[in-house]
Amino acid sequence: MPPGDPSALDPAVAARLKRDAQGLVAAVVQQYDTGEVLMLGWMDDEALHRTLTTGRGTYWSRSRQEYWVKGDTSGHVQHVRSVALDCDGDALLVKVDQTGAACHTGERTCFDAGVLAVSGA
C-alpha cells in the first residue's frame, strides 16, 4: 500500500512488528472471557489493519494465499475485543468473543486433540 493511504496500518504499530520471511506475524487467538486458546492464525500488516479497524478476526491464509475473515463462510464469527503485541514484536495475542467453532475441523478449539506428554511432569 502506498505511504499515506488511509487504509494502511498505523506506522507506529507497523514499526514494532518483526515479521517472518513471508511478512507474517503469528496471531494466537484466545476467548476473551475464559482464556481458552482457540487457534493460531497468521497476519500481515493488512490483515492486522483490517482486524483493528473492523473488529473481526482477519488472517492471511498461507495455503490459499488470500485474506479471510473468520466466520464469513462458516458463520463462526470472531468479534475482536483486544489485540496485544508481545515484547519481541513477533507474535500477537488476539482476544475474541468466538461464535461457534474456531477450528476448521468444526471443533471449538484447534488445540482439542489432546496433550503431549512432557518428561518429568
Protein backbone atom coordinates (compact mmCIF):
# COMPACT_ATOMS: atom_id res chain seq x y z
CA MET A 1 0.00 0.00 0.00
CA PRO A 2 1.34 3.46 -0.79
CA PRO A 3 2.51 5.63 2.13
CA GLY A 4 -0.22 7.90 3.39
CA ASP A 5 -3.02 5.58 2.26
CA PRO A 6 -5.73 5.93 4.93
CA SER A 7 -6.30 2.17 4.97
CA ALA A 8 -2.65 1.39 5.82
CA LEU A 9 -1.63 0.05 9.22
CA ASP A 10 -0.58 2.76 11.67
CA PRO A 11 3.17 3.27 11.01
CA ALA A 12 3.91 3.24 14.76
CA VAL A 13 2.36 -0.23 15.03
CA ALA A 14 3.99 -1.46 11.81
CA ALA A 15 7.41 -0.36 13.08
CA ARG A 16 7.06 -2.63 16.14
CA LEU A 17 6.30 -5.79 14.14
CA LYS A 18 9.01 -8.38 13.50
CA ARG A 19 7.74 -10.35 10.54
CA ASP A 20 8.93 -13.71 9.22
CA ALA A 21 10.38 -14.12 5.71
CA GLN A 22 6.85 -14.09 4.26
CA GLY A 23 5.98 -10.84 6.06
CA LEU A 24 3.76 -12.59 8.60
CA VAL A 25 3.32 -12.48 12.37
CA ALA A 26 1.78 -15.32 14.39
CA ALA A 27 -1.58 -14.46 15.95
CA VAL A 28 -2.61 -16.55 18.96
CA VAL A 29 -6.38 -16.32 19.32
CA GLN A 30 -7.94 -16.61 22.78
CA GLN A 31 -11.52 -16.46 24.08
CA TYR A 32 -11.60 -13.13 25.92
CA ASP A 33 -13.60 -14.20 29.00
CA THR A 34 -12.43 -17.77 29.66
CA GLY A 35 -8.82 -17.62 28.45
CA GLU A 36 -9.38 -20.69 26.25
CA VAL A 37 -6.79 -20.78 23.44
CA LEU A 38 -8.76 -21.21 20.23
CA MET A 39 -6.39 -21.14 17.26
CA LEU A 40 -3.24 -19.84 15.67
CA GLY A 41 -3.54 -17.64 12.60
CA TRP A 42 -1.14 -15.53 10.56
CA MET A 43 -1.37 -11.81 9.91
CA ASP A 44 0.50 -9.41 7.69
CA ASP A 45 0.16 -5.64 8.06
CA GLU A 46 -3.06 -5.52 6.04
CA ALA A 47 -4.73 -8.37 7.97
CA LEU A 48 -3.83 -6.66 11.25
CA HIS A 49 -5.13 -3.33 9.93
CA ARG A 50 -8.41 -4.95 8.88
CA THR A 51 -8.73 -6.69 12.25
CA LEU A 52 -8.15 -3.46 14.17
CA THR A 53 -10.50 -1.36 12.03
CA THR A 54 -13.37 -3.84 11.54
CA GLY A 55 -13.34 -5.67 14.87
CA ARG A 56 -13.44 -9.01 13.02
CA GLY A 57 -10.61 -11.57 13.05
CA THR A 58 -8.91 -11.28 9.65
CA TYR A 59 -6.00 -13.51 8.68
CA TRP A 60 -3.69 -14.39 5.80
CA SER A 61 -4.22 -17.93 4.53
CA ARG A 62 -0.82 -19.37 3.69
CA SER A 63 -2.39 -22.27 1.78
CA ARG A 64 -4.88 -20.20 -0.27
CA GLN A 65 -2.67 -17.09 -0.48
CA GLU A 66 -5.58 -14.77 0.35
CA TYR A 67 -7.16 -12.89 3.22
CA TRP A 68 -10.00 -14.50 5.10
CA VAL A 69 -12.34 -13.12 7.73
CA LYS A 70 -13.16 -15.74 10.33
CA GLY A 71 -16.82 -16.64 10.01
CA ASP A 72 -17.55 -15.21 6.56
CA THR A 73 -18.24 -18.68 5.16
CA SER A 74 -18.84 -20.75 8.32
CA GLY A 75 -20.81 -18.25 10.39
CA HIS A 76 -18.36 -18.87 13.27
CA VAL A 77 -17.52 -15.21 13.76
CA GLN A 78 -14.76 -13.73 15.90
CA HIS A 79 -15.63 -10.38 17.44
CA VAL A 80 -12.27 -8.94 18.46
CA ARG A 81 -12.09 -7.48 21.98
CA SER A 82 -8.38 -6.62 22.06
CA VAL A 83 -5.07 -7.16 20.27
CA ALA A 84 -1.72 -7.10 22.07
CA LEU A 85 1.81 -7.35 20.68
CA ASP A 86 4.34 -9.46 22.57
CA CYS A 87 7.57 -7.97 23.91
CA ASP A 88 9.62 -9.10 20.88
CA GLY A 89 7.09 -7.88 18.32
CA ASP A 90 6.88 -11.28 16.63
CA ALA A 91 3.53 -12.51 17.94
CA LEU A 92 0.07 -11.10 18.57
CA LEU A 93 -2.50 -12.08 21.19
CA VAL A 94 -5.97 -11.58 19.77
CA LYS A 95 -8.75 -11.82 22.37
CA VAL A 96 -12.11 -12.53 20.80
CA ASP A 97 -15.70 -13.42 21.52
CA GLN A 98 -15.96 -16.56 19.40
CA THR A 99 -19.30 -17.65 17.98
CA GLY A 100 -19.30 -21.41 17.32
CA ALA A 101 -16.23 -23.39 16.36
CA ALA A 102 -12.86 -21.68 15.92
CA CYS A 103 -11.21 -24.64 14.16
CA HIS A 104 -11.80 -25.53 10.53
CA THR A 105 -12.46 -29.12 11.71
CA GLY A 106 -15.63 -27.95 13.45
CA GLU A 107 -14.14 -28.17 16.94
CA ARG A 108 -14.38 -25.29 19.39
CA THR A 109 -10.57 -25.04 19.56
CA CYS A 110 -7.76 -26.16 17.27
CA PHE A 111 -5.94 -27.42 20.38
CA ASP A 112 -8.53 -30.07 21.25
CA ALA A 113 -6.59 -33.11 20.02
CA GLY A 114 -5.06 -33.94 23.41
CA VAL A 115 -1.99 -33.09 25.38
CA LEU A 116 1.51 -34.26 24.50
CA ALA A 117 3.43 -35.95 27.29
CA VAL A 118 6.12 -33.91 28.99
CA SER A 119 9.04 -35.81 30.52
CA GLY A 120 9.21 -35.37 34.28
CA ALA A 121 5.83 -33.67 34.54
